[in-house]
N, C-alpha and C. Protein backbone atom coordinates (compact mmCIF):
# COMPACT_ATOMS: atom_id res chain seq x y z
N MET A 1 7.68 -42.73 -3.76
CA MET A 1 8.09 -41.26 -3.25
C MET A 1 9.10 -41.48 -2.16
N GLN A 2 10.06 -40.69 -2.19
CA GLN A 2 11.24 -40.88 -1.19
C GLN A 2 10.78 -40.10 0.10
N ASP A 3 11.18 -40.78 1.16
CA ASP A 3 11.06 -40.09 2.42
C ASP A 3 12.25 -39.42 2.82
N TYR A 4 12.01 -38.02 2.95
CA TYR A 4 13.32 -37.20 3.44
C TYR A 4 13.27 -36.75 4.81
N SER A 5 14.19 -37.10 5.48
CA SER A 5 14.32 -36.58 6.96
C SER A 5 14.57 -35.13 6.88
N ALA A 6 14.35 -34.55 8.06
CA ALA A 6 14.56 -33.15 8.28
C ALA A 6 16.16 -32.73 7.84
N ALA A 7 17.04 -33.61 8.35
CA ALA A 7 18.41 -33.44 8.13
C ALA A 7 18.73 -33.33 6.56
N LYS A 8 18.29 -34.33 5.82
CA LYS A 8 18.52 -34.47 4.53
C LYS A 8 17.89 -33.24 3.74
N MET A 9 16.60 -32.80 4.16
CA MET A 9 16.11 -31.44 3.44
C MET A 9 16.87 -30.40 3.81
N ALA A 10 17.45 -30.16 4.98
CA ALA A 10 18.19 -29.05 5.41
C ALA A 10 19.47 -29.05 4.58
N MET A 11 20.19 -30.24 4.32
CA MET A 11 21.26 -30.36 3.57
C MET A 11 21.10 -29.85 2.20
N ALA A 12 19.95 -30.46 1.67
CA ALA A 12 19.60 -29.94 0.24
C ALA A 12 19.38 -28.50 0.09
N PHE A 13 18.88 -27.87 1.07
CA PHE A 13 18.63 -26.44 1.02
C PHE A 13 19.94 -25.74 1.17
N ILE A 14 20.76 -26.13 2.06
CA ILE A 14 22.08 -25.58 2.10
C ILE A 14 22.97 -25.61 0.76
N ARG A 15 22.88 -26.82 0.28
CA ARG A 15 23.67 -26.84 -1.02
C ARG A 15 23.20 -25.95 -2.15
N THR A 16 21.83 -25.63 -2.09
CA THR A 16 21.27 -24.71 -3.24
C THR A 16 21.40 -23.31 -2.87
N LYS A 17 21.67 -22.81 -1.60
CA LYS A 17 21.68 -21.50 -1.23
C LYS A 17 23.23 -20.96 -1.35
N LYS A 18 23.56 -19.90 -2.05
CA LYS A 18 24.78 -19.24 -2.04
C LYS A 18 25.14 -18.78 -0.81
N VAL A 19 26.17 -18.93 -0.19
CA VAL A 19 26.59 -18.36 1.12
C VAL A 19 27.72 -17.49 0.73
N TYR A 20 27.71 -16.23 1.28
CA TYR A 20 28.84 -15.34 0.95
C TYR A 20 29.28 -14.68 2.23
N ASP A 21 30.53 -14.42 2.38
CA ASP A 21 31.08 -13.62 3.47
C ASP A 21 31.96 -12.70 2.78
N VAL A 22 31.42 -11.71 2.23
CA VAL A 22 32.13 -10.63 1.25
C VAL A 22 31.95 -9.28 1.92
N SER A 23 32.97 -8.51 1.63
CA SER A 23 32.84 -7.17 1.98
C SER A 23 32.08 -6.18 1.25
N ALA A 24 31.82 -5.04 1.67
CA ALA A 24 30.90 -4.19 0.89
C ALA A 24 31.58 -3.90 -0.30
N GLU A 25 33.11 -3.74 -0.41
CA GLU A 25 33.63 -3.38 -1.74
C GLU A 25 33.49 -4.53 -2.78
N ALA A 26 33.52 -5.83 -2.31
CA ALA A 26 33.36 -6.95 -3.20
C ALA A 26 31.93 -6.96 -3.81
N ILE A 27 31.00 -6.57 -2.99
CA ILE A 27 29.55 -6.52 -3.43
C ILE A 27 29.39 -5.41 -4.46
N MET A 28 30.05 -4.30 -4.23
CA MET A 28 29.93 -3.20 -5.05
C MET A 28 30.64 -3.57 -6.45
N VAL A 29 31.65 -4.27 -6.44
CA VAL A 29 32.35 -4.64 -7.68
C VAL A 29 31.48 -5.54 -8.56
N LYS A 30 30.83 -6.49 -8.02
CA LYS A 30 29.81 -7.38 -8.60
C LYS A 30 28.74 -6.53 -9.20
N ILE A 31 28.18 -5.52 -8.55
CA ILE A 31 27.05 -4.86 -8.91
C ILE A 31 27.61 -3.90 -10.20
N ARG A 32 28.68 -3.27 -10.05
CA ARG A 32 29.26 -2.45 -11.06
C ARG A 32 29.52 -3.26 -12.31
N GLU A 33 30.04 -4.51 -12.19
CA GLU A 33 30.29 -5.30 -13.33
C GLU A 33 28.88 -5.66 -14.00
N PHE A 34 27.96 -6.05 -13.22
CA PHE A 34 26.71 -6.17 -13.78
C PHE A 34 26.06 -5.02 -14.59
N LEU A 35 26.09 -3.83 -13.94
CA LEU A 35 25.57 -2.58 -14.61
C LEU A 35 26.35 -2.32 -15.79
N GLY A 36 27.69 -2.59 -15.73
CA GLY A 36 28.60 -2.24 -17.02
C GLY A 36 28.27 -3.02 -18.11
N GLN A 37 27.56 -4.15 -18.07
CA GLN A 37 27.06 -4.93 -19.22
C GLN A 37 25.96 -4.09 -19.95
N PHE A 38 25.40 -3.17 -19.29
CA PHE A 38 24.21 -2.42 -19.82
C PHE A 38 24.41 -0.93 -20.09
N ILE A 39 25.50 -0.40 -19.38
CA ILE A 39 25.68 1.10 -19.49
C ILE A 39 27.30 1.16 -19.96
N SER A 40 27.53 2.39 -20.40
CA SER A 40 28.87 2.63 -20.98
C SER A 40 29.98 2.56 -20.09
N SER A 41 29.78 2.60 -18.71
CA SER A 41 30.85 2.77 -17.81
C SER A 41 30.62 2.02 -16.56
N THR A 42 31.62 1.48 -15.86
CA THR A 42 31.52 0.87 -14.71
C THR A 42 31.95 1.85 -13.60
N ASP A 43 32.40 3.12 -13.90
CA ASP A 43 32.83 4.01 -12.99
C ASP A 43 31.78 4.89 -12.62
N ILE A 44 30.91 4.30 -11.54
CA ILE A 44 29.74 4.93 -11.08
C ILE A 44 29.98 5.38 -9.59
N ASP A 45 29.68 6.66 -9.26
CA ASP A 45 29.76 7.10 -7.99
C ASP A 45 28.79 6.18 -7.07
N PRO A 46 29.34 5.87 -5.96
CA PRO A 46 28.52 4.98 -5.06
C PRO A 46 27.10 5.63 -4.57
N ASP A 47 27.15 6.94 -4.50
CA ASP A 47 26.02 7.60 -4.03
C ASP A 47 24.87 8.24 -5.18
N LEU A 48 25.46 7.98 -6.46
CA LEU A 48 24.71 8.43 -7.56
C LEU A 48 23.35 7.95 -7.50
N ASN A 49 22.29 8.59 -7.60
CA ASN A 49 20.85 8.04 -7.77
C ASN A 49 20.76 7.47 -9.14
N LEU A 50 20.68 6.08 -9.26
CA LEU A 50 20.61 5.43 -10.58
C LEU A 50 19.43 5.64 -11.32
N PHE A 51 18.23 6.02 -10.69
CA PHE A 51 16.94 6.25 -11.24
C PHE A 51 16.96 7.66 -11.84
N GLU A 52 17.27 8.64 -11.02
CA GLU A 52 17.27 9.97 -11.58
C GLU A 52 18.29 10.24 -12.57
N SER A 53 19.46 9.60 -12.56
CA SER A 53 20.47 9.70 -13.56
C SER A 53 20.04 9.03 -14.85
N GLY A 54 19.06 8.39 -14.92
CA GLY A 54 18.57 7.76 -16.19
C GLY A 54 19.28 6.38 -16.35
N MET A 55 20.30 5.98 -15.51
CA MET A 55 21.13 4.73 -15.66
C MET A 55 20.20 3.56 -15.60
N VAL A 56 19.21 3.48 -14.69
CA VAL A 56 18.35 2.44 -14.43
C VAL A 56 16.87 2.91 -14.56
N SER A 57 16.09 2.23 -15.21
CA SER A 57 14.59 2.43 -15.41
C SER A 57 13.98 1.37 -14.47
N SER A 58 12.73 1.66 -14.40
CA SER A 58 11.89 0.87 -13.47
C SER A 58 11.75 -0.60 -14.06
N LEU A 59 11.86 -0.72 -15.33
CA LEU A 59 11.88 -2.05 -16.10
C LEU A 59 13.27 -2.69 -15.88
N PHE A 60 14.38 -1.96 -15.92
CA PHE A 60 15.67 -2.52 -15.70
C PHE A 60 15.86 -2.95 -14.25
N ALA A 61 15.13 -2.22 -13.37
CA ALA A 61 15.33 -2.41 -11.93
C ALA A 61 14.93 -3.89 -11.69
N MET A 62 14.00 -4.59 -12.46
CA MET A 62 13.73 -5.90 -12.23
C MET A 62 14.86 -6.85 -12.64
N GLN A 63 15.52 -6.58 -13.58
CA GLN A 63 16.70 -7.22 -14.04
C GLN A 63 17.64 -7.05 -12.82
N LEU A 64 17.83 -6.01 -12.19
CA LEU A 64 18.79 -5.74 -11.19
C LEU A 64 18.35 -6.57 -10.04
N ILE A 65 17.15 -6.63 -9.70
CA ILE A 65 16.65 -7.34 -8.42
C ILE A 65 16.89 -8.95 -8.82
N LEU A 66 16.61 -9.28 -10.06
CA LEU A 66 16.95 -10.90 -10.31
C LEU A 66 18.39 -11.17 -10.23
N PHE A 67 19.20 -10.25 -10.64
CA PHE A 67 20.64 -10.37 -10.49
C PHE A 67 21.05 -10.49 -9.01
N VAL A 68 20.63 -9.59 -8.16
CA VAL A 68 20.92 -9.58 -6.77
C VAL A 68 20.52 -10.89 -6.18
N GLU A 69 19.27 -11.30 -6.38
CA GLU A 69 18.93 -12.65 -5.94
C GLU A 69 19.63 -13.83 -6.33
N LYS A 70 19.97 -13.90 -7.66
CA LYS A 70 20.78 -14.91 -7.95
C LYS A 70 22.22 -14.86 -7.63
N GLU A 71 22.84 -13.77 -7.65
CA GLU A 71 24.14 -13.63 -7.45
C GLU A 71 24.55 -13.84 -5.94
N PHE A 72 23.68 -13.26 -5.10
CA PHE A 72 23.98 -13.36 -3.65
C PHE A 72 23.14 -14.27 -2.84
N GLY A 73 22.31 -14.97 -3.63
CA GLY A 73 21.56 -16.06 -2.88
C GLY A 73 20.59 -15.51 -1.80
N ILE A 74 20.05 -14.36 -2.14
CA ILE A 74 19.05 -13.86 -1.17
C ILE A 74 17.67 -13.78 -1.85
N GLU A 75 16.66 -13.60 -1.10
CA GLU A 75 15.41 -13.29 -1.62
C GLU A 75 14.92 -11.98 -1.47
N VAL A 76 14.54 -11.30 -2.40
CA VAL A 76 14.07 -9.88 -2.37
C VAL A 76 12.41 -10.05 -2.24
N ALA A 77 11.98 -9.82 -1.07
CA ALA A 77 10.50 -10.01 -0.67
C ALA A 77 9.81 -8.88 -1.27
N ASN A 78 8.56 -8.91 -1.29
CA ASN A 78 7.55 -7.90 -1.72
C ASN A 78 7.98 -6.58 -0.92
N GLU A 79 8.08 -6.79 0.31
CA GLU A 79 8.22 -5.49 1.26
C GLU A 79 9.57 -4.91 0.99
N ASP A 80 10.49 -5.62 0.33
CA ASP A 80 11.84 -5.17 -0.05
C ASP A 80 11.94 -4.22 -1.36
N LEU A 81 10.72 -4.50 -2.00
CA LEU A 81 10.69 -3.72 -3.41
C LEU A 81 10.40 -2.25 -3.23
N ASP A 82 11.37 -1.58 -2.78
CA ASP A 82 11.35 -0.22 -2.58
C ASP A 82 12.50 0.40 -3.19
N PHE A 83 12.23 1.66 -3.96
CA PHE A 83 13.34 2.26 -4.63
C PHE A 83 14.45 2.53 -3.85
N ASN A 84 14.27 2.82 -2.62
CA ASN A 84 15.36 3.29 -1.71
C ASN A 84 16.28 2.25 -1.50
N ASN A 85 15.81 1.00 -1.64
CA ASN A 85 16.80 -0.25 -1.45
C ASN A 85 17.79 -0.39 -2.78
N PHE A 86 17.38 0.22 -3.85
CA PHE A 86 18.13 0.09 -5.04
C PHE A 86 18.55 1.41 -5.75
N ARG A 87 18.33 2.54 -5.00
CA ARG A 87 18.53 3.73 -5.56
C ARG A 87 19.99 4.10 -5.98
N SER A 88 20.98 3.52 -5.22
CA SER A 88 22.37 3.80 -5.43
C SER A 88 23.24 2.53 -5.25
N LEU A 89 24.49 2.61 -5.57
CA LEU A 89 25.28 1.32 -5.43
C LEU A 89 25.39 1.22 -3.87
N ASN A 90 25.53 2.22 -3.08
CA ASN A 90 25.58 2.11 -1.65
C ASN A 90 24.40 1.57 -0.92
N ALA A 91 23.28 2.03 -1.64
CA ALA A 91 21.98 1.42 -1.06
C ALA A 91 21.85 0.07 -1.32
N ILE A 92 22.07 -0.34 -2.51
CA ILE A 92 22.13 -1.77 -2.81
C ILE A 92 22.95 -2.68 -2.18
N THR A 93 24.22 -2.21 -1.92
CA THR A 93 25.15 -2.91 -1.10
C THR A 93 24.71 -3.05 0.38
N ALA A 94 24.16 -2.03 0.94
CA ALA A 94 23.75 -1.99 2.29
C ALA A 94 22.53 -2.98 2.38
N PHE A 95 21.67 -3.00 1.43
CA PHE A 95 20.43 -3.93 1.21
C PHE A 95 20.94 -5.34 1.28
N ILE A 96 21.94 -5.70 0.44
CA ILE A 96 22.41 -7.03 0.36
C ILE A 96 23.00 -7.44 1.63
N MET A 97 23.92 -6.59 2.26
CA MET A 97 24.59 -6.91 3.48
C MET A 97 23.64 -7.14 4.58
N ALA A 98 22.64 -6.33 4.60
CA ALA A 98 21.45 -6.63 5.70
C ALA A 98 20.86 -7.92 5.55
N LYS A 99 20.48 -8.22 4.20
CA LYS A 99 19.75 -9.56 3.89
C LYS A 99 20.64 -10.70 4.16
N GLU A 100 22.03 -10.58 3.94
CA GLU A 100 22.94 -11.67 4.24
C GLU A 100 23.05 -11.99 5.68
N VAL A 101 22.95 -10.94 6.52
CA VAL A 101 23.06 -11.01 8.10
C VAL A 101 21.85 -11.64 8.67
N THR A 102 20.65 -11.33 8.07
CA THR A 102 19.28 -11.85 8.61
C THR A 102 19.13 -13.20 8.04
N PRO A 103 18.80 -14.12 9.08
CA PRO A 103 18.65 -15.47 8.53
C PRO A 103 17.38 -15.57 7.72
């Protein structure tokens, strides 16, 4: 068994975590591109309620959450699983930006 020092473990963690310094616009573009794979248009009003409009179902929300985690290198914790965090493009973007700022 290999003996890992704290520095080696920290470096391994840093290499596996995506680090982004992107704008809200860039985040929104990524989300629109993802949604565009499943719906007919990427021209989505940033404040449109994705659930009420029928664009996103509760089952599809899990795919969206997995996409957000993978694409932006953040963890969506149990306490983050709130429809308000994923209700609209603006809400998702704000959630991602808040998670990226928080260590």
